[in-house]
Amino acid sequence: MTTETVAVTGMTCEHCVASVTEEVSELVGVTDVAVDLVPGGSSSVTVTSDHRIDDQALRGAIAEAGYEVVSR
């Protein structure tokens, strides 16, 4: 089991949290997604999975939700 946290920009509300959570949860092996929302700043997205998540897959899922990873 691994846990990874990324900083994400552009999130402003609970709808944003739900969108990111839904997209990231669809990645293979993901068991939990937790978001610490910072409206107007960099929110923290913590992903727990059975194995290390591919960086491009994680960035892609967050981009699909409409947001951008700024650091890992």
Protein backbone atom coordinates (compact mmCIF):
# COMPACT_ATOMS: atom_id res chain seq x y z
CA MET A 1 0.00 0.00 0.00
CA THR A 2 1.34 3.48 -0.88
CA THR A 3 0.20 7.01 -0.22
CA GLU A 4 1.09 9.93 -2.47
CA THR A 5 0.19 13.61 -2.17
CA VAL A 6 0.10 16.16 -4.98
CA ALA A 7 -0.63 19.89 -5.02
CA VAL A 8 -3.45 20.88 -7.38
CA THR A 9 -4.49 24.37 -8.51
CA GLY A 10 -7.85 25.69 -9.63
CA MET A 11 -10.08 23.99 -7.07
CA THR A 12 -12.55 26.36 -5.38
CA CYS A 13 -15.46 24.34 -3.97
CA GLU A 14 -16.85 20.95 -2.94
CA HIS A 15 -17.91 20.27 -6.54
CA CYS A 16 -14.22 20.54 -7.50
CA VAL A 17 -13.36 18.08 -4.73
CA ALA A 18 -16.02 15.65 -5.96
CA SER A 19 -14.79 15.87 -9.57
CA VAL A 20 -11.17 15.18 -8.66
CA THR A 21 -12.14 12.40 -6.25
CA GLU A 22 -14.29 10.70 -8.90
CA GLU A 23 -11.62 10.81 -11.64
CA VAL A 24 -8.71 9.71 -9.42
CA SER A 25 -10.78 6.93 -7.82
CA GLU A 26 -11.16 5.34 -11.26
CA LEU A 27 -7.41 4.66 -11.51
CA VAL A 28 -6.52 0.99 -11.07
CA GLY A 29 -5.50 0.16 -7.50
CA VAL A 30 -6.74 3.37 -5.85
CA THR A 31 -8.38 2.61 -2.50
CA ASP A 32 -8.86 6.15 -1.12
CA VAL A 33 -8.70 9.80 -2.22
CA ALA A 34 -8.62 12.65 0.29
CA VAL A 35 -8.65 16.32 -0.70
CA ASP A 36 -7.63 19.24 1.51
CA LEU A 37 -9.37 22.11 -0.31
CA VAL A 38 -7.63 25.50 -0.37
CA PRO A 39 -9.86 27.78 -2.48
CA GLY A 40 -7.74 30.02 -4.68
CA GLY A 41 -4.51 28.23 -3.68
CA SER A 42 -2.91 24.83 -3.99
CA SER A 43 -5.12 22.07 -2.66
CA SER A 44 -3.57 18.79 -1.46
CA VAL A 45 -4.82 15.57 -3.03
CA THR A 46 -3.71 12.44 -1.16
CA VAL A 47 -4.10 9.14 -2.97
CA THR A 48 -3.83 5.73 -1.29
CA SER A 49 -3.40 2.74 -3.56
CA ASP A 50 -2.37 -0.88 -3.70
CA HIS A 51 0.73 0.13 -5.69
CA ARG A 52 2.54 3.27 -6.84
CA ILE A 53 0.34 5.27 -9.20
CA ASP A 54 1.88 6.24 -12.53
CA ASP A 55 2.61 9.99 -12.52
CA GLN A 56 1.14 10.53 -15.98
CA ALA A 57 -2.02 8.58 -15.10
CA LEU A 58 -2.53 10.65 -11.95
CA ARG A 59 -1.91 13.94 -13.77
CA GLY A 60 -4.24 12.80 -16.54
CA ALA A 61 -7.07 11.97 -14.13
CA ILE A 62 -6.74 15.35 -12.43
CA ALA A 63 -6.60 17.12 -15.81
CA GLU A 64 -9.73 15.22 -16.90
CA ALA A 65 -11.48 16.74 -13.87
CA GLY A 66 -10.34 20.18 -15.07
CA TYR A 67 -7.42 20.92 -12.76
CA GLU A 68 -3.62 20.90 -12.82
CA VAL A 69 -0.97 19.21 -10.69
CA VAL A 70 1.65 21.78 -9.71
CA SER A 71 3.93 19.61 -7.57
CA ARG A 72 4.37 16.09 -6.42
